[in-house]
PDB file of N, CA and C in Angstrom:
ATOM      1  N   MET A   1      -9.426 -16.356  18.292  1.00  0.00           N
ATOM      2  CA  MET A   1     -10.592 -15.378  18.560  1.00  0.00           C
ATOM      3  C   MET A   1     -10.812 -14.032  18.596  1.00  0.00           C
ATOM      4  N   LYS A   2     -12.494 -13.859  17.876  1.00  0.00           N
ATOM      5  CA  LYS A   2     -12.629 -12.518  16.966  1.00  0.00           C
ATOM      6  C   LYS A   2     -13.257 -11.932  18.494  1.00  0.00           C
ATOM      7  N   ILE A   3     -12.646 -10.791  19.415  1.00  0.00           N
ATOM      8  CA  ILE A   3     -13.809 -10.191  19.998  1.00  0.00           C
ATOM      9  C   ILE A   3     -14.203  -8.562  19.316  1.00  0.00           C
ATOM     10  N   ASN A   4     -15.513  -8.491  19.964  1.00  0.00           N
ATOM     11  CA  ASN A   4     -16.049  -6.357  20.194  1.00  0.00           C
ATOM     12  C   ASN A   4     -15.656  -5.989  20.822  1.00  0.00           C
ATOM     13  N   VAL A   5     -15.077  -4.506  20.412  1.00  0.00           N
ATOM     14  CA  VAL A   5     -14.732  -3.724  21.303  1.00  0.00           C
ATOM     15  C   VAL A   5     -15.663  -2.253  21.424  1.00  0.00           C
ATOM     16  N   PHE A   6     -15.665  -1.582  22.573  1.00  0.00           N
ATOM     17  CA  PHE A   6     -16.302  -0.722  22.940  1.00  0.00           C
ATOM     18  C   PHE A   6     -15.678   0.449  23.683  1.00  0.00           C
ATOM     19  N   LEU A   7     -15.342   1.264  23.114  1.00  0.00           N
ATOM     20  CA  LEU A   7     -14.046   2.493  23.386  1.00  0.00           C
ATOM     21  C   LEU A   7     -15.340   3.945  23.815  1.00  0.00           C
ATOM     22  N   ASP A   8     -15.294   3.870  25.692  1.00  0.00           N
ATOM     23  CA  ASP A   8     -16.182   4.614  26.148  1.00  0.00           C
ATOM     24  C   ASP A   8     -15.350   4.764  27.116  1.00  0.00           C
ATOM     25  N   ASP A   9     -15.783   6.173  28.007  1.00  0.00           N
ATOM     26  CA  ASP A   9     -15.394   6.286  29.239  1.00  0.00           C
ATOM     27  C   ASP A   9     -16.397   6.873  30.469  1.00  0.00           C
ATOM     28  N   TYR A  10     -17.845   6.616  29.432  1.00  0.00           N
ATOM     29  CA  TYR A  10     -19.058   7.169  29.902  1.00  0.00           C
ATOM     30  C   TYR A  10     -19.973   6.167  29.873  1.00  0.00           C
ATOM     31  N   ARG A  11     -20.557   5.464  27.973  1.00  0.00           N
ATOM     32  CA  ARG A  11     -21.142   4.684  28.589  1.00  0.00           C
ATOM     33  C   ARG A  11     -21.215   3.139  28.827  1.00  0.00           C
ATOM     34  N   LYS A  12     -22.909   2.891  29.065  1.00  0.00           N
ATOM     35  CA  LYS A  12     -22.442   1.536  29.475  1.00  0.00           C
ATOM     36  C   LYS A  12     -21.710   0.713  28.608  1.00  0.00           C
ATOM     37  N   CYS A  13     -21.214  -0.832  28.629  1.00  0.00           N
ATOM     38  CA  CYS A  13     -20.662  -1.219  27.386  1.00  0.00           C
ATOM     39  C   CYS A  13     -21.558  -2.096  27.207  1.00  0.00           C
ATOM     40  N   PRO A  14     -22.201  -2.168  25.446  1.00  0.00           N
ATOM     41  CA  PRO A  14     -23.307  -3.479  25.169  1.00  0.00           C
ATOM     42  C   PRO A  14     -22.498  -5.011  25.786  1.00  0.00           C
ATOM     43  N   ASP A  15     -24.074  -5.709  25.715  1.00  0.00           N
ATOM     44  CA  ASP A  15     -23.460  -7.090  25.897  1.00  0.00           C
ATOM     45  C   ASP A  15     -22.430  -7.606  24.557  1.00  0.00           C
ATOM     46  N   GLY A  16     -21.679  -8.942  24.400  1.00  0.00           N
ATOM     47  CA  GLY A  16     -21.091  -9.082  23.380  1.00  0.00           C
ATOM     48  C   GLY A  16     -19.676  -8.080  23.258  1.00  0.00           C
ATOM     49  N   HIS A  17     -19.640  -7.313  24.738  1.00  0.00           N
ATOM     50  CA  HIS A  17     -18.474  -6.234  23.737  1.00  0.00           C
ATOM     51  C   HIS A  17     -17.443  -6.072  25.110  1.00  0.00           C
ATOM     52  N   VAL A  18     -16.061  -5.922  24.874  1.00  0.00           N
ATOM     53  CA  VAL A  18     -15.107  -5.288  26.005  1.00  0.00           C
ATOM     54  C   VAL A  18     -14.487  -4.276  26.197  1.00  0.00           C
ATOM     55  N   LEU A  19     -14.864  -3.969  26.946  1.00  0.00           N
ATOM     56  CA  LEU A  19     -14.616  -2.479  27.147  1.00  0.00           C
ATOM     57  C   LEU A  19     -13.037  -1.679  27.443  1.00  0.00           C
ATOM     58  N   ALA A  20     -13.290  -0.767  26.609  1.00  0.00           N
ATOM     59  CA  ALA A  20     -11.966  -0.041  26.546  1.00  0.00           C
ATOM     60  C   ALA A  20     -12.224   1.487  26.712  1.00  0.00           C
ATOM     61  N   GLU A  21     -11.179   1.953  27.802  1.00  0.00           N
ATOM     62  CA  GLU A  21     -11.772   2.931  29.056  1.00  0.00           C
ATOM     63  C   GLU A  21     -10.853   4.128  28.089  1.00  0.00           C
ATOM     64  N   THR A  22     -10.079   4.433  27.361  1.00  0.00           N
ATOM     65  CA  THR A  22      -8.667   4.854  27.170  1.00  0.00           C
ATOM     66  C   THR A  22      -8.170   4.146  25.723  1.00  0.00           C
ATOM     67  N   ILE A  23      -8.183   4.650  24.983  1.00  0.00           N
ATOM     68  CA  ILE A  23      -7.474   4.216  24.011  1.00  0.00           C
ATOM     69  C   ILE A  23      -6.504   3.868  24.331  1.00  0.00           C
ATOM     70  N   ASP A  24      -5.229   3.746  24.896  1.00  0.00           N
ATOM     71  CA  ASP A  24      -3.961   2.680  25.401  1.00  0.00           C
ATOM     72  C   ASP A  24      -4.407   1.334  25.480  1.00  0.00           C
ATOM     73  N   GLU A  25      -6.085   1.180  26.307  1.00  0.00           N
ATOM     74  CA  GLU A  25      -6.437   0.081  26.964  1.00  0.00           C
ATOM     75  C   GLU A  25      -6.830  -0.549  25.137  1.00  0.00           C
ATOM     76  N   CYS A  26      -7.579   0.704  24.294  1.00  0.00           N
ATOM     77  CA  CYS A  26      -7.952   0.354  22.913  1.00  0.00           C
ATOM     78  C   CYS A  26      -6.601  -0.767  22.395  1.00  0.00           C
ATOM     79  N   ILE A  27      -5.758   0.272  22.284  1.00  0.00           N
ATOM     80  CA  ILE A  27      -4.929  -0.345  21.605  1.00  0.00           C
ATOM     81  C   ILE A  27      -4.453  -1.464  21.850  1.00  0.00           C
ATOM     82  N   ASP A  28      -4.325  -1.861  23.020  1.00  0.00           N
ATOM     83  CA  ASP A  28      -3.554  -2.948  23.145  1.00  0.00           C
ATOM     84  C   ASP A  28      -4.303  -4.497  23.107  1.00  0.00           C
ATOM     85  N   LEU A  29      -6.021  -3.999  22.970  1.00  0.00           N
ATOM     86  CA  LEU A  29      -6.955  -5.231  22.083  1.00  0.00           C
ATOM     87  C   LEU A  29      -7.313  -4.721  20.863  1.00  0.00           C
ATOM     88  N   LEU A  30      -7.065  -3.999  20.082  1.00  0.00           N
ATOM     89  CA  LEU A  30      -6.587  -4.160  19.081  1.00  0.00           C
ATOM     90  C   LEU A  30      -5.305  -5.376  18.276  1.00  0.00           C
ATOM     91  N   ARG A  31      -4.120  -4.580  19.319  1.00  0.00           N
ATOM     92  CA  ARG A  31      -2.745  -5.065  18.885  1.00  0.00           C
ATOM     93  C   ARG A  31      -2.993  -6.660  19.290  1.00  0.00           C
ATOM     94  N   ALA A  32      -3.937  -7.663  20.168  1.00  0.00           N
ATOM     95  CA  ALA A  32      -3.420  -9.104  21.104  1.00  0.00           C
ATOM     96  C   ALA A  32      -4.996 -10.006  20.053  1.00  0.00           C
ATOM     97  N   PHE A  33      -5.706  -8.903  19.521  1.00  0.00           N
ATOM     98  CA  PHE A  33      -7.042  -9.283  19.265  1.00  0.00           C
ATOM     99  C   PHE A  33      -7.161  -9.630  17.960  1.00  0.00           C
ATOM    100  N   ASP A  34      -7.993 -10.135  16.991  1.00  0.00           N
ATOM    101  CA  ASP A  34      -8.398 -10.034  15.559  1.00  0.00           C
ATOM    102  C   ASP A  34      -9.863  -9.199  16.220  1.00  0.00           C
ATOM    103  N   VAL A  35     -10.461  -8.581  15.788  1.00  0.00           N
ATOM    104  CA  VAL A  35     -10.972  -7.643  16.517  1.00  0.00           C
ATOM    105  C   VAL A  35     -12.365  -7.421  15.432  1.00  0.00           C
ATOM    106  N   GLU A  36     -13.408  -8.024  15.514  1.00  0.00           N
ATOM    107  CA  GLU A  36     -14.541  -8.044  14.381  1.00  0.00           C
ATOM    108  C   GLU A  36     -15.347  -6.959  14.190  1.00  0.00           C
ATOM    109  N   HIS A  37     -15.885  -5.660  15.799  1.00  0.00           N
ATOM    110  CA  HIS A  37     -16.244  -5.151  15.587  1.00  0.00           C
ATOM    111  C   HIS A  37     -15.895  -3.719  16.795  1.00  0.00           C
ATOM    112  N   LEU A  38     -15.589  -2.223  15.817  1.00  0.00           N
ATOM    113  CA  LEU A  38     -14.855  -1.877  16.936  1.00  0.00           C
ATOM    114  C   LEU A  38     -16.222  -0.708  17.161  1.00  0.00           C
ATOM    115  N   SER A  39     -16.634  -0.606  18.136  1.00  0.00           N
ATOM    116  CA  SER A  39     -17.402   0.293  17.946  1.00  0.00           C
ATOM    117  C   SER A  39     -16.596   2.107  19.377  1.00  0.00           C
ATOM    118  N   ILE A  40     -16.401   3.109  18.541  1.00  0.00           N
ATOM    119  CA  ILE A  40     -15.548   3.939  19.581  1.00  0.00           C
ATOM    120  C   ILE A  40     -15.746   5.445  19.607  1.00  0.00           C
ATOM    121  N   ASP A  41     -15.705   6.339  21.217  1.00  0.00           N
ATOM    122  CA  ASP A  41     -15.809   7.482  20.763  1.00  0.00           C
ATOM    123  C   ASP A  41     -14.689   8.547  20.787  1.00  0.00           C
ATOM    124  N   HIS A  42     -15.353   9.498  21.061  1.00  0.00           N
ATOM    125  CA  HIS A  42     -14.401  10.478  20.510  1.00  0.00           C
ATOM    126  C   HIS A  42     -13.869  11.424  21.735  1.00  0.00           C
ATOM    127  N   ASP A  43     -15.270  11.862  22.488  1.00  0.00           N
ATOM    128  CA  ASP A  43     -15.012  12.423  24.131  1.00  0.00           C
ATOM    129  C   ASP A  43     -14.576  11.535  24.957  1.00  0.00           C
ATOM    130  N   LEU A  44     -13.217  11.447  25.373  1.00  0.00           N
ATOM    131  CA  LEU A  44     -12.751  11.055  26.234  1.00  0.00           C
ATOM    132  C   LEU A  44     -12.200  12.072  27.789  1.00  0.00           C
ATOM    133  N   LEU A  45     -12.270  10.953  28.726  1.00  0.00           N
ATOM    134  CA  LEU A  45     -11.938  12.531  29.954  1.00  0.00           C
ATOM    135  C   LEU A  45     -10.550  12.688  29.460  1.00  0.00           C
ATOM    136  N   SER A  46      -9.765  12.249  28.637  1.00  0.00           N
ATOM    137  CA  SER A  46      -8.535  13.078  28.657  1.00  0.00           C
ATOM    138  C   SER A  46      -8.744  13.953  27.674  1.00  0.00           C
ATOM    139  N   LYS A  47      -8.518  15.414  27.434  1.00  0.00           N
ATOM    140  CA  LYS A  47      -8.517  15.662  26.429  1.00  0.00           C
ATOM    141  C   LYS A  47      -7.609  15.788  25.359  1.00  0.00           C
ATOM    142  N   THR A  48      -6.711  14.932  25.610  1.00  0.00           N
ATOM    143  CA  THR A  48      -5.688  15.044  24.863  1.00  0.00           C
ATOM    144  C   THR A  48      -5.629  14.617  24.190  1.00  0.00           C
ATOM    145  N   ARG A  49      -5.714  13.047  24.106  1.00  0.00           N
ATOM    146  CA  ARG A  49      -6.080  11.154  24.007  1.00  0.00           C
ATOM    147  C   ARG A  49      -7.649  10.627  23.458  1.00  0.00           C
ATOM    148  N   ASN A  50      -7.899  11.523  22.332  1.00  0.00           N
ATOM    149  CA  ASN A  50      -9.168  11.194  22.303  1.00  0.00           C
ATOM    150  C   ASN A  50      -9.333  10.284  20.961  1.00  0.00           C
ATOM    151  N   GLY A  51     -10.504   9.931  20.825  1.00  0.00           N
ATOM    152  CA  GLY A  51     -11.081   9.362  19.683  1.00  0.00           C
ATOM    153  C   GLY A  51     -10.183   9.359  18.621  1.00  0.00           C
ATOM    154  N   LEU A  52     -10.478  10.659  18.081  1.00  0.00           N
ATOM    155  CA  LEU A  52      -9.737  10.964  16.818  1.00  0.00           C
ATOM    156  C   LEU A  52      -7.867  10.730  16.863  1.00  0.00           C
ATOM    157  N   MET A  53      -7.547  10.675  17.802  1.00  0.00           N
ATOM    158  CA  MET A  53      -6.156  10.635  18.380  1.00  0.00           C
ATOM    159  C   MET A  53      -5.830   8.896  17.241  1.00  0.00           C
ATOM    160  N   LEU A  54      -6.611   7.915  18.415  1.00  0.00           N
ATOM    161  CA  LEU A  54      -6.180   6.601  18.238  1.00  0.00           C
ATOM    162  C   LEU A  54      -7.096   6.171  16.169  1.00  0.00           C
ATOM    163  N   VAL A  55      -7.936   7.287  15.329  1.00  0.00           N
ATOM    164  CA  VAL A  55      -8.168   6.515  14.432  1.00  0.00           C
ATOM    165  C   VAL A  55      -6.427   6.868  14.290  1.00  0.00           C
ATOM    166  N   HIS A  56      -6.254   8.362  14.666  1.00  0.00           N
ATOM    167  CA  HIS A  56      -4.592   8.397  13.903  1.00  0.00           C
ATOM    168  C   HIS A  56      -3.969   6.696  13.463  1.00  0.00           C
ATOM    169  N   PHE A  57      -3.423   6.867  14.781  1.00  0.00           N
ATOM    170  CA  PHE A  57      -2.922   5.528  15.185  1.00  0.00           C
ATOM    171  C   PHE A  57      -2.953   4.399  14.591  1.00  0.00           C
ATOM    172  N   MET A  58      -4.569   3.509  15.154  1.00  0.00           N
ATOM    173  CA  MET A  58      -4.721   2.902  13.517  1.00  0.00           C
ATOM    174  C   MET A  58      -4.040   2.892  12.813  1.00  0.00           C
ATOM    175  N   VAL A  59      -4.405   4.443  11.816  1.00  0.00           N
ATOM    176  CA  VAL A  59      -4.239   4.007  10.399  1.00  0.00           C
ATOM    177  C   VAL A  59      -2.603   3.782  10.194  1.00  0.00           C
ATOM    178  N   LYS A  60      -2.147   4.954  10.957  1.00  0.00           N
ATOM    179  CA  LYS A  60      -0.494   4.917  11.169  1.00  0.00           C
ATOM    180  C   LYS A  60       0.021   2.834  11.097  1.00  0.00           C
ATOM    181  N   HIS A  61      -0.548   2.678  11.836  1.00  0.00           N
ATOM    182  CA  HIS A  61       0.172   1.130  12.336  1.00  0.00           C
ATOM    183  C   HIS A  61      -1.141  -0.360  11.777  1.00  0.00           C
ATOM    184  N   HIS A  62      -1.586   0.133  11.139  1.00  0.00           N
ATOM    185  CA  HIS A  62      -2.271  -0.603  10.532  1.00  0.00           C
ATOM    186  C   HIS A  62      -3.560  -1.227  10.870  1.00  0.00           C
ATOM    187  N   LEU A  63      -3.889  -1.309  12.138  1.00  0.00           N
ATOM    188  CA  LEU A  63      -4.804  -1.514  13.026  1.00  0.00           C
ATOM    189  C   LEU A  63      -5.996  -1.261  13.425  1.00  0.00           C
ATOM    190  N   TYR A  64      -6.964  -2.460  12.007  1.00  0.00           N
ATOM    191  CA  TYR A  64      -8.277  -2.632  11.878  1.00  0.00           C
ATOM    192  C   TYR A  64      -9.030  -3.540  13.056  1.00  0.00           C
ATOM    193  N   ALA A  65      -9.905  -3.476  12.658  1.00  0.00           N
ATOM    194  CA  ALA A  65     -11.489  -4.422  12.696  1.00  0.00           C
ATOM    195  C   ALA A  65     -12.114  -4.194  11.535  1.00  0.00           C
ATOM    196  N   ASP A  66     -13.148  -5.438  11.658  1.00  0.00           N
ATOM    197  CA  ASP A  66     -13.241  -6.037  10.700  1.00  0.00           C
ATOM    198  C   ASP A  66     -14.941  -4.618  10.142  1.00  0.00           C
ATOM    199  N   ARG A  67     -15.189  -4.238  10.852  1.00  0.00           N
ATOM    200  CA  ARG A  67     -16.720  -3.204  10.893  1.00  0.00           C
ATOM    201  C   ARG A  67     -16.144  -2.323  12.004  1.00  0.00           C
ATOM    202  N   ILE A  68     -16.099  -0.768  11.824  1.00  0.00           N
ATOM    203  CA  ILE A  68     -16.440   0.570  12.939  1.00  0.00           C
ATOM    204  C   ILE A  68     -16.879   1.004  12.950  1.00  0.00           C
ATOM    205  N   THR A  69     -17.615   1.772  14.083  1.00  0.00           N
ATOM    206  CA  THR A  69     -18.557   1.864  14.027  1.00  0.00           C
ATOM    207  C   THR A  69     -18.321   3.364  15.080  1.00  0.00           C
ATOM    208  N   ILE A  70     -18.575   4.392  14.432  1.00  0.00           N
ATOM    209  CA  ILE A  70     -17.988   5.625  16.193  1.00  0.00           C
ATOM    210  C   ILE A  70     -19.742   5.976  16.578  1.00  0.00           C
ATOM    211  N   HIS A  71     -19.636   5.836  17.423  1.00  0.00           N
ATOM    212  CA  HIS A  71     -20.790   6.219  17.932  1.00  0.00           C
ATOM    213  C   HIS A  71     -21.209   7.767  19.384  1.00  0.00           C
ATOM    214  N   SER A  72     -19.755   8.315  18.515  1.00  0.00           N
ATOM    215  CA  SER A  72     -20.240   9.762  19.390  1.00  0.00           C
ATOM    216  C   SER A  72     -20.979  10.532  19.079  1.00  0.00           C
ATOM    217  N   ALA A  73     -21.237  10.952  20.566  1.00  0.00           N
ATOM    218  CA  ALA A  73     -22.013  12.469  19.646  1.00  0.00           C
ATOM    219  C   ALA A  73     -21.708  13.519  19.387  1.00  0.00           C
ATOM    220  N   ASN A  74     -20.292  13.501  20.009  1.00  0.00           N
ATOM    221  CA  ASN A  74     -19.682  14.763  18.987  1.00  0.00           C
ATOM    222  C   ASN A  74     -19.968  14.916  17.633  1.00  0.00           C
ATOM    223  N   HIS A  75     -20.786  15.741  16.956  1.00  0.00           N
ATOM    224  CA  HIS A  75     -20.449  15.323  15.770  1.00  0.00           C
ATOM    225  C   HIS A  75     -19.654  16.411  14.664  1.00  0.00           C
ATOM    226  N   LEU A  76     -18.526  17.272  14.989  1.00  0.00           N
ATOM    227  CA  LEU A  76     -17.476  18.018  14.311  1.00  0.00           C
ATOM    228  C   LEU A  76     -16.444  16.541  15.105  1.00  0.00           C
ATOM    229  N   GLY A  77     -16.444  15.505  15.856  1.00  0.00           N
ATOM    230  CA  GLY A  77     -15.233  14.611  16.329  1.00  0.00           C
ATOM    231  C   GLY A  77     -15.675  13.737  15.514  1.00  0.00           C
ATOM    232  N   SER A  78     -17.036  13.334  15.517  1.00  0.00           N
ATOM    233  CA  SER A  78     -16.918  11.815  15.221  1.00  0.00           C
ATOM    234  C   SER A  78     -17.000  12.389  13.506  1.00  0.00           C
ATOM    235  N   LYS A  79     -17.420  13.575  12.699  1.00  0.00           N
ATOM    236  CA  LYS A  79     -17.382  13.037  10.778  1.00  0.00           C
ATOM    237  C   LYS A  79     -15.354  13.432  10.799  1.00  0.00           C
ATOM    238  N   ALA A  80     -14.634  14.279  11.746  1.00  0.00           N
ATOM    239  CA  ALA A  80     -13.476  14.074  11.911  1.00  0.00           C
ATOM    240  C   ALA A  80     -13.147  12.471  11.569  1.00  0.00           C
ATOM    241  N   MET A  81     -13.337  12.158  12.465  1.00  0.00           N
ATOM    242  CA  MET A  81     -13.100  10.114  12.583  1.00  0.00           C
ATOM    243  C   MET A  81     -13.249   9.813  11.331  1.00  0.00           C
ATOM    244  N   TYR A  82     -14.102   9.970  10.876  1.00  0.00           N
ATOM    245  CA  TYR A  82     -15.019   9.321   9.979  1.00  0.00           C
ATOM    246  C   TYR A  82     -14.452   9.371   8.709  1.00  0.00           C
ATOM    247  N   ASN A  83     -14.092  11.030   8.415  1.00  0.00           N
ATOM    248  CA  ASN A  83     -13.247  11.237   7.212  1.00  0.00           C
ATOM    249  C   ASN A  83     -12.088  10.529   7.263  1.00  0.00           C
ATOM    250  N   CYS A  84     -11.174  10.625   7.771  1.00  0.00           N
ATOM    251  CA  CYS A  84     -10.143  10.704   8.601  1.00  0.00           C
ATOM    252  C   CYS A  84     -10.057   8.709   7.800  1.00  0.00           C
ATOM    253  N   PHE A  85     -11.165   7.638   8.498  1.00  0.00           N
ATOM    254  CA  PHE A  85     -11.106   6.677   7.804  1.00  0.00           C
ATOM    255  C   PHE A  85     -11.693   6.798   6.394  1.00  0.00           C
ATOM    256  N   LYS A  86     -12.208   7.248   5.675  1.00  0.00           N
ATOM    257  CA  LYS A  86     -12.553   7.062   4.414  1.00  0.00           C
ATOM    258  C   LYS A  86     -11.171   7.827   3.620  1.00  0.00           C
ATOM    259  N   ASP A  87     -11.019   8.803   4.406  1.00  0.00           N
ATOM    260  CA  ASP A  87      -9.329   9.064   2.984  1.00  0.00           C
ATOM    261  C   ASP A  87      -8.352   7.931   3.077  1.00  0.00           C
ATOM    262  N   ALA A  88      -7.885   7.306   4.242  1.00  0.00           N
ATOM    263  CA  ALA A  88      -7.151   6.369   4.530  1.00  0.00           C
ATOM    264  C   ALA A  88      -6.939   5.230   2.968  1.00  0.00           C
ATOM    265  N   GLN A  89      -8.898   4.989   3.187  1.00  0.00           N
ATOM    266  CA  GLN A  89      -9.351   3.987   2.286  1.00  0.00           C
ATOM    267  C   GLN A  89      -8.981   4.102   0.676  1.00  0.00           C
ATOM    268  N   LYS A  90      -9.254   5.511   0.895  1.00  0.00           N
ATOM    269  CA  LYS A  90      -9.212   6.660  -0.610  1.00  0.00           C
ATOM    270  C   LYS A  90      -7.206   6.136  -1.196  1.00  0.00           C
ATOM    271  N   GLU A  91      -6.952   6.876  -0.173  1.00  0.00           N
ATOM    272  CA  GLU A  91      -5.382   6.701  -0.263  1.00  0.00           C
ATOM    273  C   GLU A  91      -4.734   5.011   0.046  1.00  0.00           C
ATOM    274  N   HIS A  92      -5.480   3.524  -0.118  1.00  0.00           N
ATOM    275  CA  HIS A  92      -5.127   2.616   0.125  1.00  0.00           C
ATOM    276  C   HIS A  92      -4.005   2.714   1.706  1.00  0.00           C
ATOM    277  N   LYS A  93      -4.596   3.020   2.348  1.00  0.00           N
ATOM    278  CA  LYS A  93      -3.589   2.532   3.357  1.00  0.00           C
ATOM    279  C   LYS A  93      -4.676   1.489   4.780  1.00  0.00           C
ATOM    280  N   MET A  94      -5.907   1.243   3.869  1.00  0.00           N
ATOM    281  CA  MET A  94      -6.871   0.171   4.545  1.00  0.00           C
ATOM    282  C   MET A  94      -8.084   0.232   3.821  1.00  0.00           C
ATOM    283  N   PRO A  95      -8.198  -1.205   4.317  1.00  0.00           N
ATOM    284  CA  PRO A  95      -9.153  -1.590   3.358  1.00  0.00           C
ATOM    285  C   PRO A  95     -10.052  -1.142   2.665  1.00  0.00           C
ATOM    286  N   ASN A  96     -10.522  -1.440   2.068  1.00  0.00           N
ATOM    287  CA  ASN A  96     -11.810  -1.015   2.108  1.00  0.00           C
ATOM    288  C   ASN A  96     -13.411  -1.780   1.994  1.00  0.00           C
ATOM    289  N   ASN A  97     -12.809  -2.708   2.272  1.00  0.00           N
ATOM    290  CA  ASN A  97     -14.325  -3.765   2.884  1.00  0.00           C
ATOM    291  C   ASN A  97     -14.104  -3.562   4.282  1.00  0.00           C
ATOM    292  N   ILE A  98     -13.095  -2.931   5.281  1.00  0.00           N
ATOM    293  CA  ILE A  98     -13.623  -2.526   6.379  1.00  0.00           C
ATOM    294  C   ILE A  98     -14.591  -1.108   6.019  1.00  0.00           C
ATOM    295  N   LYS A  99     -15.862  -1.862   6.897  1.00  0.00           N
ATOM    296  CA  LYS A  99     -17.630  -1.101   6.514  1.00  0.00           C
ATOM    297  C   LYS A  99     -17.425  -0.432   8.219  1.00  0.00           C
ATOM    298  N   ILE A 100     -17.551   1.729   7.963  1.00  0.00           N
ATOM    299  CA  ILE A 100     -17.349   1.772   9.268  1.00  0.00           C
ATOM    300  C   ILE A 100     -18.276   2.777   8.874  1.00  0.00           C
ATOM    301  N   LEU A 101     -19.300   3.252  10.286  1.00  0.00           N
ATOM    302  CA  LEU A 101     -20.524   3.701   9.705  1.00  0.00           C
ATOM    303  C   LEU A 101     -20.592   4.442  11.362  1.00  0.00           C
ATOM    304  N   ARG A 102     -21.519   5.895  10.976  1.00  0.00           N
ATOM    305  CA  ARG A 102     -21.578   7.025  11.881  1.00  0.00           C
ATOM    306  C   ARG A 102     -22.447   6.807  12.847  1.00  0.00           C
ATOM    307  N   CYS A 103     -22.700   5.999  14.317  1.00  0.00           N
ATOM    308  CA  CYS A 103     -24.276   6.389  14.301  1.00  0.00           C
ATOM    309  C   CYS A 103     -23.665   6.604  16.032  1.00  0.00           C
ATOM    310  N   PRO A 104     -24.060   8.143  16.167  1.00  0.00           N
ATOM    311  CA  PRO A 104     -24.209   8.389  17.355  1.00  0.00           C
ATOM    312  C   PRO A 104     -25.403   7.938  18.580  1.00  0.00           C
ATOM    313  N   LEU A 105     -24.469   7.999  19.684  1.00  0.00           N
ATOM    314  CA  LEU A 105     -25.202   6.816  21.225  1.00  0.00           C
ATOM    315  C   LEU A 105     -25.506   8.421  21.701  1.00  0.00           C
ATOM    316  N   PRO A 106     -27.083   8.307  22.984  1.00  0.00           N
ATOM    317  CA  PRO A 106     -27.028   9.059  23.043  1.00  0.00           C
ATOM    318  C   PRO A 106     -26.451   8.910  24.669  1.00  0.00           C
ATOM    319  N   LEU A 107     -25.664   9.496  25.360  1.00  0.00           N
ATOM    320  CA  LEU A 107     -24.976  10.033  26.527  1.00  0.00           C
ATOM    321  C   LEU A 107     -25.773   9.323  27.857  1.00  0.00           C
ATOM    322  N   ARG A 108     -26.907   8.804  28.097  1.00  0.00           N
ATOM    323  CA  ARG A 108     -27.479   8.034  29.165  1.00  0.00           C
ATOM    324  C   ARG A 108     -27.510   6.736  28.737  1.00  0.00           C
TER     325      ARG A 108
END
């Protein structure tokens, strides 16, 4: 069964997505399900366990989705997450067919 996951602790979860409010919840979903679309935020309530930490964990443990959207409004955090994924693809640590997009969402 394929699911869509939305990692955010502030924004409303879009229809058709399962909400994960922490990176641990997101990791559990990535491990348990085949994820078609993963939409992730950088800034979470935990200042030390943010979206970039999730990206590093995903690359290290080969946990991916068919399509990944970085929806963070934090420009620097979003760029770091995107670059980490793209570097993993260049280094053949992550499949090149996974689409990675940056598409900031407003906080409201």
